[in-house]
Amino acid sequence: MGALLSHPAKPIDLKGAALALLISCLWGGNPVAIKLGLLDTPPLRLAAYRFVLGGVAIALWAWATGRTGGLGLARRELRPLGVLGLLFVLQVVTLNVGTHLTSAAHSAILLNLYGVHTVVLAHFLIPGDRLSARKLAGVLIAYGGIVLLFGRQLSGGAPTFLGDVIMVASSLALGVRTVYMARVVQRLDPVKLLLSQTAVGLVAFIALSWLFEPAATRWTLRLGFAVAYQGLLIAGFNFVVNLRLLQRYRPSVLAGFFLTQPLFGVLAAAVVMGDALTPDLLVASVAVAIGIGLTSR
């Protein structure tokens, strides 16, 4: 991944904390929005729709803030942008396919393991972001909750086991992408990072859907809401804010505010999708939240 770079060590302030908490809540509801969209269109095509809106939102933000200058690609930028694009496609493919094969509540819990993965990966890839005894305890607690969730599934027939495994892979890909992006954002323009990932994702998902998804799309208000949530809020607003935060604060500090994601996601899944709040589900979500909280300190 290239030479290791220093990372800003600015302490979190009120504005940063509020923004981190806001995007955390929005991300928590993303698996529910995906699950709703999947009722009307296949997983890869849903991702393509998402990035049409996301790309428009980011382009408009760049234009409104005067950030459209200097978007040409230098040769030295091709490799990091290519790596980010591949990680991005891998993460979103596994996210949508995994959510299709499991419940919205399981998806919300397992996706948010990325905060714990981020801390472990940052120990090896970001100077000064060390894995202390407290962080290690958080990692073990979070992973222990997931082991409990998988164990109860296997004993009960594991109807969502494949989807859950894919979701774990998605959370790992997101953790890798978060750490890598935290490094390259220090030397590449954030708008260029966002637009390049969106462009790569859009082309990839249109091609993949055309090749592997013959099913038709049902155009409903439910699908419109799901695509708008993912495209405007997640792929647009959240990505922009997240990159700005990564420029100013350590990933492990930001991870502390993301502990609300699994809890919010599980509650949203129960309210919107009717997912049962079983004991193992609640224990797993709390374990992941505790793990994120401990690893962020």
C-alpha atoms as a PDB file:
ATOM      1  CA  MET A   1       0.000   0.000   0.000  1.00  0.00           C
ATOM      2  CA  GLY A   2       2.987   2.300  -0.273  1.00  0.00           C
ATOM      3  CA  ALA A   3       4.957   4.174   2.329  1.00  0.00           C
ATOM      4  CA  LEU A   4       3.322   4.795   5.673  1.00  0.00           C
ATOM      5  CA  LEU A   5       2.219   8.370   6.239  1.00  0.00           C
ATOM      6  CA  SER A   6       1.732  10.388   9.379  1.00  0.00           C
ATOM      7  CA  HIS A   7      -1.865  11.094  10.367  1.00  0.00           C
ATOM      8  CA  PRO A   8      -3.380  14.166  12.037  1.00  0.00           C
ATOM      9  CA  ALA A   9      -3.761  13.802  15.796  1.00  0.00           C
ATOM     10  CA  LYS A  10      -6.257  16.646  16.376  1.00  0.00           C
ATOM     11  CA  PRO A  11      -8.543  15.884  19.356  1.00  0.00           C
ATOM     12  CA  ILE A  12     -12.234  15.543  18.589  1.00  0.00           C
ATOM     13  CA  ASP A  13     -14.274  18.727  19.093  1.00  0.00           C
ATOM     14  CA  LEU A  14     -18.029  19.362  19.409  1.00  0.00           C
ATOM     15  CA  LYS A  15     -18.570  19.900  15.686  1.00  0.00           C
ATOM     16  CA  GLY A  16     -16.626  16.768  14.776  1.00  0.00           C
ATOM     17  CA  ALA A  17     -18.481  14.732  17.398  1.00  0.00           C
ATOM     18  CA  ALA A  18     -21.893  15.926  16.175  1.00  0.00           C
ATOM     19  CA  LEU A  19     -21.085  15.148  12.547  1.00  0.00           C
ATOM     20  CA  ALA A  20     -19.675  11.727  13.439  1.00  0.00           C
ATOM     21  CA  LEU A  21     -22.805  10.888  15.430  1.00  0.00           C
ATOM     22  CA  LEU A  22     -25.110  12.070  12.633  1.00  0.00           C
ATOM     23  CA  ILE A  23     -23.471  10.002   9.904  1.00  0.00           C
ATOM     24  CA  SER A  24     -23.326   7.082  12.327  1.00  0.00           C
ATOM     25  CA  CYS A  25     -27.114   7.166  12.746  1.00  0.00           C
ATOM     26  CA  LEU A  26     -27.640   7.442   8.994  1.00  0.00           C
ATOM     27  CA  TRP A  27     -25.266   4.537   8.335  1.00  0.00           C
ATOM     28  CA  GLY A  28     -27.095   2.490  10.948  1.00  0.00           C
ATOM     29  CA  GLY A  29     -30.257   2.702   8.853  1.00  0.00           C
ATOM     30  CA  ASN A  30     -28.527   1.861   5.575  1.00  0.00           C
ATOM     31  CA  PRO A  31     -29.026  -1.947   5.761  1.00  0.00           C
ATOM     32  CA  VAL A  32     -32.748  -1.357   6.241  1.00  0.00           C
ATOM     33  CA  ALA A  33     -32.861   0.914   3.178  1.00  0.00           C
ATOM     34  CA  ILE A  34     -30.972  -1.744   1.199  1.00  0.00           C
ATOM     35  CA  LYS A  35     -33.374  -4.446   2.341  1.00  0.00           C
ATOM     36  CA  LEU A  36     -36.347  -2.318   1.256  1.00  0.00           C
ATOM     37  CA  GLY A  37     -34.787  -1.683  -2.150  1.00  0.00           C
ATOM     38  CA  LEU A  38     -34.082  -5.368  -2.646  1.00  0.00           C
ATOM     39  CA  LEU A  39     -37.820  -6.063  -2.530  1.00  0.00           C
ATOM     40  CA  ASP A  40     -38.117  -4.365  -5.926  1.00  0.00           C
ATOM     41  CA  THR A  41     -34.764  -4.782  -7.719  1.00  0.00           C
ATOM     42  CA  PRO A  42     -31.717  -7.140  -7.698  1.00  0.00           C
ATOM     43  CA  PRO A  43     -28.679  -6.359  -5.478  1.00  0.00           C
ATOM     44  CA  LEU A  44     -26.167  -5.176  -8.096  1.00  0.00           C
ATOM     45  CA  ARG A  45     -28.701  -3.062  -9.967  1.00  0.00           C
ATOM     46  CA  LEU A  46     -29.712  -1.438  -6.685  1.00  0.00           C
ATOM     47  CA  ALA A  47     -26.054  -0.470  -6.202  1.00  0.00           C
ATOM     48  CA  ALA A  48     -25.974   1.063  -9.699  1.00  0.00           C
ATOM     49  CA  TYR A  49     -29.067   3.164  -8.961  1.00  0.00           C
ATOM     50  CA  ARG A  50     -27.486   4.260  -5.703  1.00  0.00           C
ATOM     51  CA  PHE A  51     -24.338   5.514  -7.410  1.00  0.00           C
ATOM     52  CA  VAL A  52     -26.203   7.435 -10.086  1.00  0.00           C
ATOM     53  CA  LEU A  53     -27.748   9.587  -7.356  1.00  0.00           C
ATOM     54  CA  GLY A  54     -24.579   9.547  -5.247  1.00  0.00           C
ATOM     55  CA  GLY A  55     -22.450  10.714  -8.148  1.00  0.00           C
ATOM     56  CA  VAL A  56     -24.860  13.545  -8.930  1.00  0.00           C
ATOM     57  CA  ALA A  57     -24.916  14.617  -5.265  1.00  0.00           C
ATOM     58  CA  ILE A  58     -21.111  14.653  -4.993  1.00  0.00           C
ATOM     59  CA  ALA A  59     -20.695  16.476  -8.316  1.00  0.00           C
ATOM     60  CA  LEU A  60     -23.193  19.150  -7.258  1.00  0.00           C
ATOM     61  CA  TRP A  61     -21.420  19.557  -3.909  1.00  0.00           C
ATOM     62  CA  ALA A  62     -18.070  19.903  -5.673  1.00  0.00           C
ATOM     63  CA  TRP A  63     -19.502  22.501  -8.062  1.00  0.00           C
ATOM     64  CA  ALA A  64     -21.252  24.468  -5.300  1.00  0.00           C
ATOM     65  CA  THR A  65     -18.097  24.631  -3.184  1.00  0.00           C
ATOM     66  CA  GLY A  66     -15.757  25.447  -6.085  1.00  0.00           C
ATOM     67  CA  ARG A  67     -13.899  22.145  -5.874  1.00  0.00           C
ATOM     68  CA  THR A  68     -14.171  21.079  -9.503  1.00  0.00           C
ATOM     69  CA  GLY A  69     -10.767  22.482 -10.483  1.00  0.00           C
ATOM     70  CA  GLY A  70      -7.765  20.207 -10.629  1.00  0.00           C
ATOM     71  CA  LEU A  71      -9.687  16.961 -11.162  1.00  0.00           C
ATOM     72  CA  GLY A  72      -7.275  15.718 -13.813  1.00  0.00           C
ATOM     73  CA  LEU A  73      -5.466  12.483 -13.054  1.00  0.00           C
ATOM     74  CA  ALA A  74      -1.714  12.361 -12.540  1.00  0.00           C
ATOM     75  CA  ARG A  75       0.092   9.103 -13.200  1.00  0.00           C
ATOM     76  CA  ARG A  76       1.064   8.709  -9.533  1.00  0.00           C
ATOM     77  CA  GLU A  77      -2.629   8.885  -8.564  1.00  0.00           C
ATOM     78  CA  LEU A  78      -3.793   5.991 -10.720  1.00  0.00           C
ATOM     79  CA  ARG A  79      -2.654   3.244  -8.357  1.00  0.00           C
ATOM     80  CA  PRO A  80      -4.258   4.535  -5.125  1.00  0.00           C
ATOM     81  CA  LEU A  81      -7.455   5.473  -6.956  1.00  0.00           C
ATOM     82  CA  GLY A  82      -7.528   2.049  -8.602  1.00  0.00           C
ATOM     83  CA  VAL A  83      -7.049   0.281  -5.273  1.00  0.00           C
ATOM     84  CA  LEU A  84      -9.820   2.328  -3.671  1.00  0.00           C
ATOM     85  CA  GLY A  85     -12.117   1.654  -6.609  1.00  0.00           C
ATOM     86  CA  LEU A  86     -11.607  -2.106  -6.369  1.00  0.00           C
ATOM     87  CA  LEU A  87     -12.096  -2.108  -2.584  1.00  0.00           C
ATOM     88  CA  PHE A  88     -15.211  -0.004  -3.038  1.00  0.00           C
ATOM     89  CA  VAL A  89     -16.774  -2.357  -5.573  1.00  0.00           C
ATOM     90  CA  LEU A  90     -15.907  -5.417  -3.483  1.00  0.00           C
ATOM     91  CA  GLN A  91     -17.371  -3.893  -0.349  1.00  0.00           C
ATOM     92  CA  VAL A  92     -20.651  -2.794  -1.935  1.00  0.00           C
ATOM     93  CA  VAL A  93     -21.130  -6.069  -3.848  1.00  0.00           C
ATOM     94  CA  THR A  94     -20.754  -8.076  -0.643  1.00  0.00           C
ATOM     95  CA  LEU A  95     -22.925  -5.577   1.262  1.00  0.00           C
ATOM     96  CA  ASN A  96     -25.891  -5.797  -1.109  1.00  0.00           C
ATOM     97  CA  VAL A  97     -25.627  -9.524  -1.798  1.00  0.00           C
ATOM     98  CA  GLY A  98     -25.072 -10.300   1.893  1.00  0.00           C
ATOM     99  CA  THR A  99     -28.045  -8.154   2.936  1.00  0.00           C
ATOM    100  CA  HIS A 100     -30.158  -9.918   0.310  1.00  0.00           C
ATOM    101  CA  LEU A 101     -29.308 -13.279   1.909  1.00  0.00           C
ATOM    102  CA  THR A 102     -29.708 -12.299   5.568  1.00  0.00           C
ATOM    103  CA  SER A 103     -31.938 -10.097   7.702  1.00  0.00           C
ATOM    104  CA  ALA A 104     -31.633  -6.324   7.992  1.00  0.00           C
ATOM    105  CA  ALA A 105     -30.802  -6.671  11.708  1.00  0.00           C
ATOM    106  CA  HIS A 106     -27.987  -9.165  11.069  1.00  0.00           C
ATOM    107  CA  SER A 107     -26.676  -6.963   8.279  1.00  0.00           C
ATOM    108  CA  ALA A 108     -26.611  -3.918  10.575  1.00  0.00           C
ATOM    109  CA  ILE A 109     -24.653  -5.748  13.284  1.00  0.00           C
ATOM    110  CA  LEU A 110     -22.158  -7.504  11.043  1.00  0.00           C
ATOM    111  CA  LEU A 111     -21.447  -4.514   8.799  1.00  0.00           C
ATOM    112  CA  ASN A 112     -20.563  -2.418  11.834  1.00  0.00           C
ATOM    113  CA  LEU A 113     -17.761  -4.764  12.739  1.00  0.00           C
ATOM    114  CA  TYR A 114     -15.787  -2.600  10.323  1.00  0.00           C
ATOM    115  CA  GLY A 115     -15.156  -0.147  13.183  1.00  0.00           C
ATOM    116  CA  VAL A 116     -13.364  -2.897  15.102  1.00  0.00           C
ATOM    117  CA  HIS A 117     -11.550  -4.121  11.985  1.00  0.00           C
ATOM    118  CA  THR A 118     -10.429  -0.529  11.386  1.00  0.00           C
ATOM    119  CA  VAL A 119      -8.741  -0.326  14.786  1.00  0.00           C
ATOM    120  CA  VAL A 120      -6.926  -3.628  14.266  1.00  0.00           C
ATOM    121  CA  LEU A 121      -5.766  -2.646  10.783  1.00  0.00           C
ATOM    122  CA  ALA A 122      -4.752   0.864  11.916  1.00  0.00           C
ATOM    123  CA  HIS A 123      -2.380  -0.743  14.438  1.00  0.00           C
ATOM    124  CA  PHE A 124      -0.323  -2.094  11.543  1.00  0.00           C
ATOM    125  CA  LEU A 125      -0.857   0.596   8.902  1.00  0.00           C
ATOM    126  CA  ILE A 126      -1.119   4.014  10.614  1.00  0.00           C
ATOM    127  CA  PRO A 127       1.812   5.242  12.736  1.00  0.00           C
ATOM    128  CA  GLY A 128       0.851   6.014  16.331  1.00  0.00           C
ATOM    129  CA  ASP A 129      -2.508   4.215  16.192  1.00  0.00           C
ATOM    130  CA  ARG A 130      -1.464   1.373  18.478  1.00  0.00           C
ATOM    131  CA  LEU A 131      -3.560  -1.574  19.684  1.00  0.00           C
ATOM    132  CA  SER A 132      -3.534  -1.172  23.481  1.00  0.00           C
ATOM    133  CA  ALA A 133      -4.804  -3.671  26.062  1.00  0.00           C
ATOM    134  CA  ARG A 134      -8.100  -1.759  26.263  1.00  0.00           C
ATOM    135  CA  LYS A 135      -8.546  -1.833  22.506  1.00  0.00           C
ATOM    136  CA  LEU A 136      -7.699  -5.522  22.407  1.00  0.00           C
ATOM    137  CA  ALA A 137     -10.395  -6.177  25.030  1.00  0.00           C
ATOM    138  CA  GLY A 138     -12.880  -4.302  22.845  1.00  0.00           C
ATOM    139  CA  VAL A 139     -11.900  -6.363  19.815  1.00  0.00           C
ATOM    140  CA  LEU A 140     -12.396  -9.612  21.735  1.00  0.00           C
ATOM    141  CA  ILE A 141     -15.783  -8.519  23.123  1.00  0.00           C
ATOM    142  CA  ALA A 142     -17.080  -7.499  19.691  1.00  0.00           C
ATOM    143  CA  TYR A 143     -15.861 -10.663  18.015  1.00  0.00           C
ATOM    144  CA  GLY A 144     -17.244 -12.710  20.905  1.00  0.00           C
ATOM    145  CA  GLY A 145     -20.718 -11.297  20.261  1.00  0.00           C
ATOM    146  CA  ILE A 146     -20.480 -12.329  16.623  1.00  0.00           C
ATOM    147  CA  VAL A 147     -19.335 -15.827  17.570  1.00  0.00           C
ATOM    148  CA  LEU A 148     -22.432 -16.067  19.786  1.00  0.00           C
ATOM    149  CA  LEU A 149     -24.662 -14.953  16.920  1.00  0.00           C
ATOM    150  CA  PHE A 150     -23.147 -17.499  14.527  1.00  0.00           C
ATOM    151  CA  GLY A 151     -23.254 -20.240  17.143  1.00  0.00           C
ATOM    152  CA  ARG A 152     -26.981 -19.792  17.768  1.00  0.00           C
ATOM    153  CA  GLN A 153     -27.619 -19.826  14.031  1.00  0.00           C
ATOM    154  CA  LEU A 154     -25.748 -23.065  13.474  1.00  0.00           C
ATOM    155  CA  SER A 155     -27.651 -24.745  16.294  1.00  0.00           C
ATOM    156  CA  GLY A 156     -30.953 -23.568  14.809  1.00  0.00           C
ATOM    157  CA  GLY A 157     -30.428 -24.499  11.155  1.00  0.00           C
ATOM    158  CA  ALA A 158     -28.559 -21.360  10.024  1.00  0.00           C
ATOM    159  CA  PRO A 159     -31.117 -19.931   7.541  1.00  0.00           C
ATOM    160  CA  THR A 160     -29.025 -16.766   7.090  1.00  0.00           C
ATOM    161  CA  PHE A 161     -25.556 -18.221   7.584  1.00  0.00           C
ATOM    162  CA  LEU A 162     -24.277 -17.631   4.027  1.00  0.00           C
ATOM    163  CA  GLY A 163     -25.510 -14.052   4.023  1.00  0.00           C
ATOM    164  CA  ASP A 164     -23.895 -13.438   7.407  1.00  0.00           C
ATOM    165  CA  VAL A 165     -20.531 -14.772   6.212  1.00  0.00           C
ATOM    166  CA  ILE A 166     -20.709 -12.459   3.194  1.00  0.00           C
ATOM    167  CA  MET A 167     -21.557  -9.550   5.509  1.00  0.00           C
ATOM    168  CA  VAL A 168     -18.464 -10.259   7.624  1.00  0.00           C
ATOM    169  CA  ALA A 169     -16.413 -10.103   4.416  1.00  0.00           C
ATOM    170  CA  SER A 170     -18.099  -6.794   3.567  1.00  0.00           C
ATOM    171  CA  SER A 171     -17.245  -5.326   6.966  1.00  0.00           C
ATOM    172  CA  LEU A 172     -13.621  -6.396   6.556  1.00  0.00           C
ATOM    173  CA  ALA A 173     -13.454  -4.810   3.089  1.00  0.00           C
ATOM    174  CA  LEU A 174     -14.938  -1.605   4.530  1.00  0.00           C
ATOM    175  CA  GLY A 175     -12.361  -1.598   7.333  1.00  0.00           C
ATOM    176  CA  VAL A 176      -9.514  -1.987   4.848  1.00  0.00           C
ATOM    177  CA  ARG A 177     -10.958   0.772   2.643  1.00  0.00           C
ATOM    178  CA  THR A 178     -11.418   3.113   5.615  1.00  0.00           C
ATOM    179  CA  VAL A 179      -7.804   2.773   6.742  1.00  0.00           C
ATOM    180  CA  TYR A 180      -6.440   3.054   3.213  1.00  0.00           C
ATOM    181  CA  MET A 181      -8.592   6.101   2.506  1.00  0.00           C
ATOM    182  CA  ALA A 182      -7.460   7.716   5.770  1.00  0.00           C
ATOM    183  CA  ARG A 183      -3.915   7.539   4.403  1.00  0.00           C
ATOM    184  CA  VAL A 184      -4.415   8.604   0.794  1.00  0.00           C
ATOM    185  CA  VAL A 185      -6.786  11.471   1.664  1.00  0.00           C
ATOM    186  CA  GLN A 186      -3.761  13.238   3.138  1.00  0.00           C
ATOM    187  CA  ARG A 187      -2.250  13.596  -0.349  1.00  0.00           C
ATOM    188  CA  LEU A 188      -5.166  13.346  -2.801  1.00  0.00           C
ATOM    189  CA  ASP A 189      -8.105  15.674  -3.249  1.00  0.00           C
ATOM    190  CA  PRO A 190     -11.218  14.356  -1.411  1.00  0.00           C
ATOM    191  CA  VAL A 191     -13.492  15.229  -4.333  1.00  0.00           C
ATOM    192  CA  LYS A 192     -11.276  13.243  -6.676  1.00  0.00           C
ATOM    193  CA  LEU A 193     -11.419  10.281  -4.284  1.00  0.00           C
ATOM    194  CA  LEU A 194     -15.200  10.394  -4.064  1.00  0.00           C
ATOM    195  CA  LEU A 195     -15.892  10.888  -7.754  1.00  0.00           C
ATOM    196  CA  SER A 196     -13.389   8.247  -8.864  1.00  0.00           C
ATOM    197  CA  GLN A 197     -14.909   5.638  -6.538  1.00  0.00           C
ATOM    198  CA  THR A 198     -18.407   6.561  -7.683  1.00  0.00           C
ATOM    199  CA  ALA A 199     -17.426   6.368 -11.359  1.00  0.00           C
ATOM    200  CA  VAL A 200     -15.701   2.984 -10.943  1.00  0.00           C
ATOM    201  CA  GLY A 201     -18.626   1.665  -8.913  1.00  0.00           C
ATOM    202  CA  LEU A 202     -21.252   2.837 -11.389  1.00  0.00           C
ATOM    203  CA  VAL A 203     -19.519   1.274 -14.401  1.00  0.00           C
ATOM    204  CA  ALA A 204     -18.846  -1.960 -12.506  1.00  0.00           C
ATOM    205  CA  PHE A 205     -22.392  -2.367 -11.187  1.00  0.00           C
ATOM    206  CA  ILE A 206     -24.058  -1.586 -14.504  1.00  0.00           C
ATOM    207  CA  ALA A 207     -21.870  -4.202 -16.204  1.00  0.00           C
ATOM    208  CA  LEU A 208     -22.288  -6.821 -13.457  1.00  0.00           C
ATOM    209  CA  SER A 209     -26.054  -6.359 -13.296  1.00  0.00           C
ATOM    210  CA  TRP A 210     -26.369  -6.630 -17.085  1.00  0.00           C
ATOM    211  CA  LEU A 211     -24.395  -9.884 -17.029  1.00  0.00           C
ATOM    212  CA  PHE A 212     -25.901 -11.604 -13.978  1.00  0.00           C
ATOM    213  CA  GLU A 213     -29.307 -10.085 -13.147  1.00  0.00           C
ATOM    214  CA  PRO A 214     -32.066 -10.796 -15.705  1.00  0.00           C
ATOM    215  CA  ALA A 215     -34.881  -9.997 -13.245  1.00  0.00           C
ATOM    216  CA  ALA A 216     -36.894  -6.836 -13.933  1.00  0.00           C
ATOM    217  CA  THR A 217     -37.088  -3.813 -11.634  1.00  0.00           C
ATOM    218  CA  ARG A 218     -40.450  -2.821 -10.120  1.00  0.00           C
ATOM    219  CA  TRP A 219     -40.639   0.969  -9.940  1.00  0.00           C
ATOM    220  CA  THR A 220     -42.301   1.778  -6.622  1.00  0.00           C
ATOM    221  CA  LEU A 221     -42.256   4.616  -4.090  1.00  0.00           C
ATOM    222  CA  ARG A 222     -40.544   2.180  -1.714  1.00  0.00           C
ATOM    223  CA  LEU A 223     -37.705   1.694  -4.196  1.00  0.00           C
ATOM    224  CA  GLY A 224     -37.502   5.456  -4.738  1.00  0.00           C
ATOM    225  CA  PHE A 225     -37.100   6.046  -0.999  1.00  0.00           C
ATOM    226  CA  ALA A 226     -34.506   3.279  -0.676  1.00  0.00           C
ATOM    227  CA  VAL A 227     -32.418   4.587  -3.592  1.00  0.00           C
ATOM    228  CA  ALA A 228     -32.669   8.198  -2.373  1.00  0.00           C
ATOM    229  CA  TYR A 229     -31.553   7.207   1.129  1.00  0.00           C
ATOM    230  CA  GLN A 230     -28.564   5.253  -0.177  1.00  0.00           C
ATOM    231  CA  GLY A 231     -27.659   7.657  -2.987  1.00  0.00           C
ATOM    232  CA  LEU A 232     -28.231  11.106  -1.488  1.00  0.00           C
ATOM    233  CA  LEU A 233     -27.569  10.445   2.199  1.00  0.00           C
ATOM    234  CA  ILE A 234     -25.114   7.523   2.228  1.00  0.00           C
ATOM    235  CA  ALA A 235     -23.206   7.738  -1.074  1.00  0.00           C
ATOM    236  CA  GLY A 236     -23.423  11.531  -1.127  1.00  0.00           C
ATOM    237  CA  PHE A 237     -23.689  13.341   2.203  1.00  0.00           C
ATOM    238  CA  ASN A 238     -22.139  10.666   4.425  1.00  0.00           C
ATOM    239  CA  PHE A 239     -19.151  10.019   2.157  1.00  0.00           C
ATOM    240  CA  VAL A 240     -18.346  13.721   1.907  1.00  0.00           C
ATOM    241  CA  VAL A 241     -18.582  14.267   5.665  1.00  0.00           C
ATOM    242  CA  ASN A 242     -16.648  11.089   6.434  1.00  0.00           C
ATOM    243  CA  LEU A 243     -13.743  12.114   4.229  1.00  0.00           C
ATOM    244  CA  ARG A 244     -13.622  15.552   5.840  1.00  0.00           C
ATOM    245  CA  LEU A 245     -13.541  13.936   9.287  1.00  0.00           C
ATOM    246  CA  LEU A 246     -10.765  11.537   8.245  1.00  0.00           C
ATOM    247  CA  GLN A 247      -8.668  14.538   7.211  1.00  0.00           C
ATOM    248  CA  ARG A 248      -8.870  15.946  10.734  1.00  0.00           C
ATOM    249  CA  TYR A 249      -9.133  13.068  13.227  1.00  0.00           C
ATOM    250  CA  ARG A 250      -7.726   9.594  13.734  1.00  0.00           C
ATOM    251  CA  PRO A 251      -9.931   6.717  12.501  1.00  0.00           C
ATOM    252  CA  SER A 252      -9.854   5.081  15.945  1.00  0.00           C
ATOM    253  CA  VAL A 253     -11.143   8.293  17.591  1.00  0.00           C
ATOM    254  CA  LEU A 254     -14.014   8.557  15.124  1.00  0.00           C
ATOM    255  CA  ALA A 255     -14.861   4.896  15.691  1.00  0.00           C
ATOM    256  CA  GLY A 256     -16.070   5.776  19.191  1.00  0.00           C
ATOM    257  CA  PHE A 257     -19.028   7.677  17.765  1.00  0.00           C
ATOM    258  CA  PHE A 258     -19.904   4.815  15.467  1.00  0.00           C
ATOM    259  CA  LEU A 259     -20.889   2.552  18.370  1.00  0.00           C
ATOM    260  CA  THR A 260     -24.482   3.714  17.846  1.00  0.00           C
ATOM    261  CA  GLN A 261     -24.646   2.134  14.390  1.00  0.00           C
ATOM    262  CA  PRO A 262     -25.438  -1.493  15.301  1.00  0.00           C
ATOM    263  CA  LEU A 263     -27.968  -0.435  17.944  1.00  0.00           C
ATOM    264  CA  PHE A 264     -29.713   2.029  15.646  1.00  0.00           C
ATOM    265  CA  GLY A 265     -29.634  -0.488  12.809  1.00  0.00           C
ATOM    266  CA  VAL A 266     -31.202  -3.272  14.867  1.00  0.00           C
ATOM    267  CA  LEU A 267     -33.963  -0.965  16.143  1.00  0.00           C
ATOM    268  CA  ALA A 268     -34.652   0.351  12.628  1.00  0.00           C
ATOM    269  CA  ALA A 269     -34.820  -3.236  11.322  1.00  0.00           C
ATOM    270  CA  ALA A 270     -37.331  -4.133  14.035  1.00  0.00           C
ATOM    271  CA  VAL A 271     -39.532  -1.090  13.389  1.00  0.00           C
ATOM    272  CA  VAL A 272     -39.405  -1.027   9.569  1.00  0.00           C
ATOM    273  CA  MET A 273     -38.837  -4.676   8.594  1.00  0.00           C
ATOM    274  CA  GLY A 274     -40.392  -6.406  11.605  1.00  0.00           C
ATOM    275  CA  ASP A 275     -37.181  -8.285  12.507  1.00  0.00           C
ATOM    276  CA  ALA A 276     -37.480 -10.012  15.877  1.00  0.00           C
ATOM    277  CA  LEU A 277     -35.354  -8.628  18.720  1.00  0.00           C
ATOM    278  CA  THR A 278     -34.075 -12.004  19.908  1.00  0.00           C
ATOM    279  CA  PRO A 279     -31.701 -12.293  22.906  1.00  0.00           C
ATOM    280  CA  ASP A 280     -28.714 -13.383  20.791  1.00  0.00           C
ATOM    281  CA  LEU A 281     -29.327 -10.472  18.399  1.00  0.00           C
ATOM    282  CA  LEU A 282     -29.428  -7.945  21.231  1.00  0.00           C
ATOM    283  CA  VAL A 283     -26.349  -9.417  22.928  1.00  0.00           C
ATOM    284  CA  ALA A 284     -24.414  -9.363  19.650  1.00  0.00           C
ATOM    285  CA  SER A 285     -25.383  -5.752  18.901  1.00  0.00           C
ATOM    286  CA  VAL A 286     -24.444  -4.606  22.403  1.00  0.00           C
ATOM    287  CA  ALA A 287     -21.160  -6.543  22.225  1.00  0.00           C
ATOM    288  CA  VAL A 288     -20.264  -4.862  18.943  1.00  0.00           C
ATOM    289  CA  ALA A 289     -21.189  -1.446  20.376  1.00  0.00           C
ATOM    290  CA  ILE A 290     -19.088  -2.054  23.500  1.00  0.00           C
ATOM    291  CA  GLY A 291     -16.230  -3.308  21.367  1.00  0.00           C
ATOM    292  CA  ILE A 292     -16.329  -0.181  19.215  1.00  0.00           C
ATOM    293  CA  GLY A 293     -16.467   1.983  22.327  1.00  0.00           C
ATOM    294  CA  LEU A 294     -13.445   0.324  23.928  1.00  0.00           C
ATOM    295  CA  THR A 295     -11.369   0.230  20.764  1.00  0.00           C
ATOM    296  CA  SER A 296     -11.928   3.936  20.169  1.00  0.00           C
ATOM    297  CA  ARG A 297     -10.184   4.997  23.395  1.00  0.00           C
END
